[in-house]
C-alpha atoms as a PDB file:
ATOM      1  CA  UNK A   1     -12.190   1.311 -11.862  1.00  0.00           C
ATOM      2  CA  UNK A   2     -15.953   0.712 -11.933  1.00  0.00           C
ATOM      3  CA  UNK A   3     -15.817  -0.852  -8.480  1.00  0.00           C
ATOM      4  CA  UNK A   4     -13.960   2.052  -6.843  1.00  0.00           C
ATOM      5  CA  UNK A   5     -15.908   4.716  -8.721  1.00  0.00           C
ATOM      6  CA  UNK A   6     -19.121   3.098  -7.482  1.00  0.00           C
ATOM      7  CA  UNK A   7     -17.987   3.110  -3.862  1.00  0.00           C
ATOM      8  CA  UNK A   8     -16.112   6.436  -3.860  1.00  0.00           C
ATOM      9  CA  UNK A   9     -18.947   8.419  -2.225  1.00  0.00           C
ATOM     10  CA  UNK A  10     -19.333   5.946   0.635  1.00  0.00           C
ATOM     11  CA  UNK A  11     -15.713   4.764   0.872  1.00  0.00           C
ATOM     12  CA  UNK A  12     -14.883   6.815   3.966  1.00  0.00           C
ATOM     13  CA  UNK A  13     -17.948   5.810   5.964  1.00  0.00           C
ATOM     14  CA  UNK A  14     -16.560   4.343   9.197  1.00  0.00           C
ATOM     15  CA  UNK A  15     -12.943   4.869   8.110  1.00  0.00           C
ATOM     16  CA  UNK A  16     -12.076   7.750  10.428  1.00  0.00           C
ATOM     17  CA  UNK A  17     -12.049   5.698  13.628  1.00  0.00           C
ATOM     18  CA  UNK A  18     -11.951   2.105  14.828  1.00  0.00           C
ATOM     19  CA  UNK A  19     -10.373  -0.610  12.720  1.00  0.00           C
ATOM     20  CA  UNK A  20      -9.851   1.323   9.492  1.00  0.00           C
ATOM     21  CA  UNK A  21      -8.194   4.262  11.234  1.00  0.00           C
ATOM     22  CA  UNK A  22      -5.956   1.781  13.092  1.00  0.00           C
ATOM     23  CA  UNK A  23      -5.009   0.168   9.786  1.00  0.00           C
ATOM     24  CA  UNK A  24      -4.141   3.473   8.071  1.00  0.00           C
ATOM     25  CA  UNK A  25      -2.193   4.674  11.126  1.00  0.00           C
ATOM     26  CA  UNK A  26      -0.268   1.385  11.315  1.00  0.00           C
ATOM     27  CA  UNK A  27       0.640   1.477   7.617  1.00  0.00           C
ATOM     28  CA  UNK A  28       2.060   4.997   7.857  1.00  0.00           C
ATOM     29  CA  UNK A  29       3.846   4.102  11.110  1.00  0.00           C
ATOM     30  CA  UNK A  30       5.872   1.512   9.158  1.00  0.00           C
ATOM     31  CA  UNK A  31       7.710   4.339   7.359  1.00  0.00           C
ATOM     32  CA  UNK A  32       7.286   7.386   9.613  1.00  0.00           C
ATOM     33  CA  UNK A  33      11.070   7.612   9.967  1.00  0.00           C
ATOM     34  CA  UNK A  34      11.486   7.779   6.178  1.00  0.00           C
ATOM     35  CA  UNK A  35       8.599  10.098   5.322  1.00  0.00           C
ATOM     36  CA  UNK A  36       9.967  13.060   7.310  1.00  0.00           C
ATOM     37  CA  UNK A  37      11.299  15.684   4.865  1.00  0.00           C
ATOM     38  CA  UNK A  38      10.928  13.358   1.867  1.00  0.00           C
ATOM     39  CA  UNK A  39       9.163  13.562  -1.478  1.00  0.00           C
ATOM     40  CA  UNK A  40       6.733  10.640  -1.421  1.00  0.00           C
ATOM     41  CA  UNK A  41       4.412   9.124  -4.010  1.00  0.00           C
ATOM     42  CA  UNK A  42       1.431   7.020  -2.999  1.00  0.00           C
ATOM     43  CA  UNK A  43       0.371   4.490  -5.610  1.00  0.00           C
ATOM     44  CA  UNK A  44      -3.342   3.844  -5.203  1.00  0.00           C
ATOM     45  CA  UNK A  45      -4.050   6.869  -3.013  1.00  0.00           C
ATOM     46  CA  UNK A  46      -7.847   6.630  -3.145  1.00  0.00           C
ATOM     47  CA  UNK A  47      -9.525   9.558  -1.392  1.00  0.00           C
ATOM     48  CA  UNK A  48      -6.256  10.704   0.207  1.00  0.00           C
ATOM     49  CA  UNK A  49      -6.487   9.290   3.738  1.00  0.00           C
ATOM     50  CA  UNK A  50      -2.847   8.126   3.712  1.00  0.00           C
ATOM     51  CA  UNK A  51      -1.694  11.313   1.963  1.00  0.00           C
ATOM     52  CA  UNK A  52      -3.434  13.232   4.732  1.00  0.00           C
ATOM     53  CA  UNK A  53      -1.341  11.414   7.324  1.00  0.00           C
ATOM     54  CA  UNK A  54       1.955  11.872   5.470  1.00  0.00           C
ATOM     55  CA  UNK A  55       1.572  15.496   4.374  1.00  0.00           C
ATOM     56  CA  UNK A  56       2.340  17.162   7.740  1.00  0.00           C
ATOM     57  CA  UNK A  57       5.865  15.669   7.889  1.00  0.00           C
ATOM     58  CA  UNK A  58       6.813  15.055   4.239  1.00  0.00           C
ATOM     59  CA  UNK A  59       8.357  17.720   2.018  1.00  0.00           C
ATOM     60  CA  UNK A  60       5.980  16.767  -0.779  1.00  0.00           C
ATOM     61  CA  UNK A  61       3.290  14.146  -1.301  1.00  0.00           C
ATOM     62  CA  UNK A  62       1.671  13.113  -4.565  1.00  0.00           C
ATOM     63  CA  UNK A  63      -0.707  10.342  -5.509  1.00  0.00           C
ATOM     64  CA  UNK A  64      -2.056   8.335  -8.408  1.00  0.00           C
ATOM     65  CA  UNK A  65      -5.130   6.148  -8.611  1.00  0.00           C
ATOM     66  CA  UNK A  66      -7.118   4.351 -11.275  1.00  0.00           C
ATOM     67  CA  UNK A  67     -10.437   5.782 -10.051  1.00  0.00           C
ATOM     68  CA  UNK A  68     -11.469   9.332 -11.031  1.00  0.00           C
ATOM     69  CA  UNK A  69     -14.225   9.145  -8.420  1.00  0.00           C
ATOM     70  CA  UNK A  70     -11.753   8.510  -5.615  1.00  0.00           C
ATOM     71  CA  UNK A  71      -9.345  11.163  -6.885  1.00  0.00           C
ATOM     72  CA  UNK A  72     -12.059  13.800  -7.022  1.00  0.00           C
ATOM     73  CA  UNK A  73     -12.241  13.606  -3.228  1.00  0.00           C
ATOM     74  CA  UNK A  74      -8.445  13.542  -2.807  1.00  0.00           C
ATOM     75  CA  UNK A  75      -8.104  16.593  -5.066  1.00  0.00           C
ATOM     76  CA  UNK A  76     -10.760  18.446  -3.041  1.00  0.00           C
ATOM     77  CA  UNK A  77      -8.383  18.113  -0.094  1.00  0.00           C
ATOM     78  CA  UNK A  78      -5.721  19.962  -2.050  1.00  0.00           C
ATOM     79  CA  UNK A  79      -3.511  17.006  -2.905  1.00  0.00           C
ATOM     80  CA  UNK A  80      -1.447  16.661  -6.094  1.00  0.00           C
ATOM     81  CA  UNK A  81      -3.118  13.620  -7.659  1.00  0.00           C
ATOM     82  CA  UNK A  82      -3.777  12.245 -11.127  1.00  0.00           C
ATOM     83  CA  UNK A  83      -5.402   9.285 -12.822  1.00  0.00           C
ATOM     84  CA  UNK A  84      -2.857   6.621 -13.737  1.00  0.00           C
ATOM     85  CA  UNK A  85      -2.187   2.899 -13.519  1.00  0.00           C
ATOM     86  CA  UNK A  86       0.444   1.467 -11.209  1.00  0.00           C
ATOM     87  CA  UNK A  87       2.082  -0.211 -14.195  1.00  0.00           C
ATOM     88  CA  UNK A  88       2.493   3.080 -16.099  1.00  0.00           C
ATOM     89  CA  UNK A  89       3.441   5.846 -13.676  1.00  0.00           C
ATOM     90  CA  UNK A  90       3.496   9.315 -15.286  1.00  0.00           C
ATOM     91  CA  UNK A  91       6.786  10.400 -13.717  1.00  0.00           C
ATOM     92  CA  UNK A  92      10.405  10.520 -14.811  1.00  0.00           C
ATOM     93  CA  UNK A  93      13.007   8.126 -13.436  1.00  0.00           C
ATOM     94  CA  UNK A  94      14.131   8.967  -9.899  1.00  0.00           C
ATOM     95  CA  UNK A  95      11.451  11.575  -9.188  1.00  0.00           C
ATOM     96  CA  UNK A  96      10.718  10.576  -5.577  1.00  0.00           C
ATOM     97  CA  UNK A  97      12.607   9.711  -2.392  1.00  0.00           C
ATOM     98  CA  UNK A  98      10.071   7.007  -1.616  1.00  0.00           C
ATOM     99  CA  UNK A  99       6.909   5.243  -2.732  1.00  0.00           C
ATOM    100  CA  UNK A 100       4.169   3.780  -0.565  1.00  0.00           C
ATOM    101  CA  UNK A 101       1.575   1.333  -1.845  1.00  0.00           C
ATOM    102  CA  UNK A 102      -1.012   0.061   0.624  1.00  0.00           C
ATOM    103  CA  UNK A 103      -4.067  -2.132  -0.098  1.00  0.00           C
ATOM    104  CA  UNK A 104      -3.314  -2.054  -3.846  1.00  0.00           C
ATOM    105  CA  UNK A 105      -0.745  -4.644  -4.994  1.00  0.00           C
ATOM    106  CA  UNK A 106      -2.978  -7.631  -4.103  1.00  0.00           C
ATOM    107  CA  UNK A 107      -5.425  -6.340  -6.726  1.00  0.00           C
ATOM    108  CA  UNK A 108      -2.874  -6.107  -9.553  1.00  0.00           C
ATOM    109  CA  UNK A 109      -2.274  -9.245 -11.603  1.00  0.00           C
ATOM    110  CA  UNK A 110       0.998  -8.022 -13.144  1.00  0.00           C
ATOM    111  CA  UNK A 111       2.431  -7.273  -9.708  1.00  0.00           C
ATOM    112  CA  UNK A 112       6.060  -7.567 -10.810  1.00  0.00           C
ATOM    113  CA  UNK A 113       5.619  -4.940 -13.533  1.00  0.00           C
ATOM    114  CA  UNK A 114       3.898  -2.570 -11.102  1.00  0.00           C
ATOM    115  CA  UNK A 115       6.687  -2.893  -8.540  1.00  0.00           C
ATOM    116  CA  UNK A 116       9.316  -2.359 -11.258  1.00  0.00           C
ATOM    117  CA  UNK A 117       7.565   0.912 -12.180  1.00  0.00           C
ATOM    118  CA  UNK A 118       7.621   2.055  -8.553  1.00  0.00           C
ATOM    119  CA  UNK A 119      11.312   1.228  -8.314  1.00  0.00           C
ATOM    120  CA  UNK A 120      11.933   3.223 -11.503  1.00  0.00           C
ATOM    121  CA  UNK A 121      10.467   6.473 -10.134  1.00  0.00           C
ATOM    122  CA  UNK A 122      12.454   6.186  -6.867  1.00  0.00           C
ATOM    123  CA  UNK A 123      15.877   7.824  -6.685  1.00  0.00           C
ATOM    124  CA  UNK A 124      18.963   5.639  -6.138  1.00  0.00           C
ATOM    125  CA  UNK A 125      19.139   4.983  -2.398  1.00  0.00           C
ATOM    126  CA  UNK A 126      15.402   5.632  -2.088  1.00  0.00           C
ATOM    127  CA  UNK A 127      12.840   3.345  -0.499  1.00  0.00           C
ATOM    128  CA  UNK A 128       9.519   1.597  -1.025  1.00  0.00           C
ATOM    129  CA  UNK A 129       6.806   0.412   1.367  1.00  0.00           C
ATOM    130  CA  UNK A 130       4.709  -2.337  -0.228  1.00  0.00           C
ATOM    131  CA  UNK A 131       1.735  -4.082   1.366  1.00  0.00           C
ATOM    132  CA  UNK A 132       0.447  -7.586   0.635  1.00  0.00           C
ATOM    133  CA  UNK A 133      -2.485  -9.714   1.855  1.00  0.00           C
ATOM    134  CA  UNK A 134      -1.397 -12.824   3.713  1.00  0.00           C
ATOM    135  CA  UNK A 135      -3.183 -16.163   3.052  1.00  0.00           C
ATOM    136  CA  UNK A 136      -1.823 -17.590   6.327  1.00  0.00           C
ATOM    137  CA  UNK A 137      -4.007 -15.360   8.484  1.00  0.00           C
ATOM    138  CA  UNK A 138      -7.504 -15.245   9.933  1.00  0.00           C
ATOM    139  CA  UNK A 139      -8.270 -12.380   7.564  1.00  0.00           C
ATOM    140  CA  UNK A 140      -7.087 -14.501   4.640  1.00  0.00           C
ATOM    141  CA  UNK A 141      -9.451 -17.281   5.702  1.00  0.00           C
ATOM    142  CA  UNK A 142     -12.364 -14.814   5.855  1.00  0.00           C
ATOM    143  CA  UNK A 143     -11.495 -13.509   2.385  1.00  0.00           C
ATOM    144  CA  UNK A 144     -11.648 -17.012   0.951  1.00  0.00           C
ATOM    145  CA  UNK A 145     -14.984 -17.877   2.591  1.00  0.00           C
ATOM    146  CA  UNK A 146     -16.968 -14.623   2.354  1.00  0.00           C
ATOM    147  CA  UNK A 147     -19.904 -14.120   0.016  1.00  0.00           C
ATOM    148  CA  UNK A 148     -19.976 -11.330  -2.610  1.00  0.00           C
ATOM    149  CA  UNK A 149     -20.884  -7.858  -1.283  1.00  0.00           C
ATOM    150  CA  UNK A 150     -22.813  -5.623  -3.747  1.00  0.00           C
ATOM    151  CA  UNK A 151     -21.287  -2.141  -4.131  1.00  0.00           C
ATOM    152  CA  UNK A 152     -23.577  -0.512  -6.663  1.00  0.00           C
ATOM    153  CA  UNK A 153     -25.380  -1.513  -9.822  1.00  0.00           C
ATOM    154  CA  UNK A 154     -23.993  -4.809 -11.060  1.00  0.00           C
ATOM    155  CA  UNK A 155     -20.652  -4.384  -9.253  1.00  0.00           C
ATOM    156  CA  UNK A 156     -19.626  -6.560  -6.279  1.00  0.00           C
ATOM    157  CA  UNK A 157     -16.385  -6.770  -4.319  1.00  0.00           C
ATOM    158  CA  UNK A 158     -15.655 -10.209  -5.772  1.00  0.00           C
ATOM    159  CA  UNK A 159     -15.435  -8.621  -9.235  1.00  0.00           C
ATOM    160  CA  UNK A 160     -12.064  -7.200  -8.206  1.00  0.00           C
ATOM    161  CA  UNK A 161      -9.040  -9.433  -8.737  1.00  0.00           C
ATOM    162  CA  UNK A 162      -7.438 -10.289  -5.381  1.00  0.00           C
ATOM    163  CA  UNK A 163      -4.245 -12.248  -4.737  1.00  0.00           C
ATOM    164  CA  UNK A 164      -2.847 -13.364  -1.378  1.00  0.00           C
ATOM    165  CA  UNK A 165       0.913 -13.805  -0.837  1.00  0.00           C
ATOM    166  CA  UNK A 166       3.040 -15.115   1.988  1.00  0.00           C
ATOM    167  CA  UNK A 167       6.017 -13.021   3.069  1.00  0.00           C
ATOM    168  CA  UNK A 168       8.461 -15.133   1.064  1.00  0.00           C
ATOM    169  CA  UNK A 169       6.258 -14.935  -2.044  1.00  0.00           C
ATOM    170  CA  UNK A 170       5.978 -11.163  -1.697  1.00  0.00           C
ATOM    171  CA  UNK A 171       9.745 -10.718  -1.360  1.00  0.00           C
ATOM    172  CA  UNK A 172      10.232 -12.745  -4.541  1.00  0.00           C
ATOM    173  CA  UNK A 173       8.430 -10.020  -6.541  1.00  0.00           C
ATOM    174  CA  UNK A 174      11.187  -7.493  -5.816  1.00  0.00           C
ATOM    175  CA  UNK A 175      13.524  -6.874  -8.761  1.00  0.00           C
ATOM    176  CA  UNK A 176      17.304  -7.034  -8.544  1.00  0.00           C
ATOM    177  CA  UNK A 177      18.885  -3.974  -7.008  1.00  0.00           C
ATOM    178  CA  UNK A 178      16.220  -3.764  -4.316  1.00  0.00           C
ATOM    179  CA  UNK A 179      16.860  -5.157  -0.838  1.00  0.00           C
ATOM    180  CA  UNK A 180      14.486  -5.724   2.062  1.00  0.00           C
ATOM    181  CA  UNK A 181      15.252  -3.489   5.050  1.00  0.00           C
ATOM    182  CA  UNK A 182      12.495  -4.687   7.382  1.00  0.00           C
ATOM    183  CA  UNK A 183       9.035  -6.226   7.399  1.00  0.00           C
ATOM    184  CA  UNK A 184       5.941  -5.477   9.462  1.00  0.00           C
ATOM    185  CA  UNK A 185       2.809  -7.442  10.273  1.00  0.00           C
ATOM    186  CA  UNK A 186      -0.539  -5.684  10.723  1.00  0.00           C
ATOM    187  CA  UNK A 187      -3.702  -7.277  12.111  1.00  0.00           C
ATOM    188  CA  UNK A 188      -2.177 -10.073  14.138  1.00  0.00           C
ATOM    189  CA  UNK A 189      -4.211  -9.832  17.357  1.00  0.00           C
ATOM    190  CA  UNK A 190      -7.406  -8.431  15.829  1.00  0.00           C
ATOM    191  CA  UNK A 191      -9.678 -11.342  14.979  1.00  0.00           C
ATOM    192  CA  UNK A 192     -12.746  -9.179  14.369  1.00  0.00           C
ATOM    193  CA  UNK A 193     -12.654  -5.590  13.084  1.00  0.00           C
ATOM    194  CA  UNK A 194     -15.801  -4.891  15.153  1.00  0.00           C
ATOM    195  CA  UNK A 195     -13.816  -5.232  18.377  1.00  0.00           C
ATOM    196  CA  UNK A 196     -11.877  -2.076  17.449  1.00  0.00           C
ATOM    197  CA  UNK A 197     -15.038  -0.001  17.909  1.00  0.00           C
ATOM    198  CA  UNK A 198     -15.130  -0.847  21.622  1.00  0.00           C
ATOM    199  CA  UNK A 199     -13.096   2.066  23.133  1.00  0.00           C
ATOM    200  CA  UNK A 200     -10.979   0.273  25.758  1.00  0.00           C
ATOM    201  CA  UNK A 201     -10.804  -3.047  23.920  1.00  0.00           C
ATOM    202  CA  UNK A 202      -9.854  -1.313  20.654  1.00  0.00           C
ATOM    203  CA  UNK A 203      -6.977   0.615  22.230  1.00  0.00           C
ATOM    204  CA  UNK A 204      -5.611  -2.490  23.958  1.00  0.00           C
ATOM    205  CA  UNK A 205      -5.833  -4.583  20.790  1.00  0.00           C
ATOM    206  CA  UNK A 206      -4.127  -1.842  18.795  1.00  0.00           C
ATOM    207  CA  UNK A 207      -1.226  -1.667  21.242  1.00  0.00           C
ATOM    208  CA  UNK A 208      -0.889  -5.442  21.320  1.00  0.00           C
ATOM    209  CA  UNK A 209      -0.959  -5.673  17.543  1.00  0.00           C
ATOM    210  CA  UNK A 210       1.811  -3.086  17.154  1.00  0.00           C
ATOM    211  CA  UNK A 211       3.903  -4.827  19.825  1.00  0.00           C
ATOM    212  CA  UNK A 212       3.676  -8.077  17.862  1.00  0.00           C
ATOM    213  CA  UNK A 213       4.315  -6.524  14.443  1.00  0.00           C
ATOM    214  CA  UNK A 214       8.060  -7.282  14.458  1.00  0.00           C
ATOM    215  CA  UNK A 215       7.883 -10.743  16.060  1.00  0.00           C
ATOM    216  CA  UNK A 216       7.660 -14.073  14.223  1.00  0.00           C
ATOM    217  CA  UNK A 217       3.869 -13.698  14.467  1.00  0.00           C
ATOM    218  CA  UNK A 218       4.041 -11.219  11.568  1.00  0.00           C
ATOM    219  CA  UNK A 219       3.953 -14.327   9.346  1.00  0.00           C
ATOM    220  CA  UNK A 220       0.334 -14.764  10.525  1.00  0.00           C
ATOM    221  CA  UNK A 221      -0.688 -11.123  10.071  1.00  0.00           C
ATOM    222  CA  UNK A 222      -3.546 -10.189   7.763  1.00  0.00           C
ATOM    223  CA  UNK A 223      -1.347  -7.556   6.115  1.00  0.00           C
ATOM    224  CA  UNK A 224       2.394  -7.739   5.480  1.00  0.00           C
ATOM    225  CA  UNK A 225       4.336  -4.547   4.751  1.00  0.00           C
ATOM    226  CA  UNK A 226       7.791  -4.803   3.179  1.00  0.00           C
ATOM    227  CA  UNK A 227      10.105  -1.800   3.484  1.00  0.00           C
ATOM    228  CA  UNK A 228      12.844  -2.029   0.854  1.00  0.00           C
ATOM    229  CA  UNK A 229      15.657   0.151  -0.486  1.00  0.00           C
ATOM    230  CA  UNK A 230      16.807   0.761  -4.034  1.00  0.00           C
ATOM    231  CA  UNK A 231      20.516   0.381  -4.635  1.00  0.00           C
ATOM    232  CA  UNK A 232      22.522   3.598  -4.802  1.00  0.00           C
ATOM    233  CA  UNK A 233      24.633   2.163  -7.613  1.00  0.00           C
ATOM    234  CA  UNK A 234      22.982   2.329 -11.006  1.00  0.00           C
ATOM    235  CA  UNK A 235      23.822  -0.389 -13.516  1.00  0.00           C
ATOM    236  CA  UNK A 236      25.116   1.323 -16.680  1.00  0.00           C
ATOM    237  CA  UNK A 237      23.271   0.480 -19.906  1.00  0.00           C
ATOM    238  CA  UNK A 238      24.853  -2.089 -22.162  1.00  0.00           C
ATOM    239  CA  UNK A 239      27.138  -0.530 -24.782  1.00  0.00           C
ATOM    240  CA  UNK A 240      27.293  -2.099 -28.210  1.00  0.00           C
ATOM    241  CA  UNK A 241      30.834  -2.737 -29.511  1.00  0.00           C
ATOM    242  CA  UNK A 242      32.002  -0.292 -32.190  1.00  0.00           C
ATOM    243  CA  UNK A 243      31.509  -1.402 -35.742  1.00  0.00           C
ATOM    244  CA  UNK A 244      34.478  -1.611 -38.096  1.00  0.00           C
END
């Protein structure tokens, strides 16, 4: 919370074009077909950049985040957001058609509990889009080798817990009753984010990256997005035998 509150005022600097815009666009593109006309929750919505992309086609979008500083900006854009943790979502069972969670799960230690909460607030037959950081990627190598970057005061980016998961490890976090529909790789062809600021080069790299997102090379992508569905059949609660 301290880390994201500290960076909330500068978070969007450079995020409206180039690499970061490509990343946000690619994440939403993974579920564009499911967002249309749906009620969607974003877990870890930050300043609302993903909500902003989903709102024009969704029936309703809502967001939660741990950082009041980030949410202040999202709320100023008119979005329905509130402070909450991914492991304790303030919604009733089956509230949403779908849940998206980008750039967040790698920073949650109790990842299984967080995913179970997201599954809980999705209706039977609903869907989830969950993103993970891949250790078997150039980006993963950079993450392991980079030096701490100060954010503000005594806070640095290395103060934030970060976990990297392969595709098979990420799938293993899904609870029973949830099946993988498809997987996407993002940042396969982009070795350096700086290249995306070069107009022609950036467009070509973006197109190449999206073309490779469904190939076996997704196993080497910096980001892995899993699109999964919740079973339409609910398991009835256990009933205790009558006492005599």
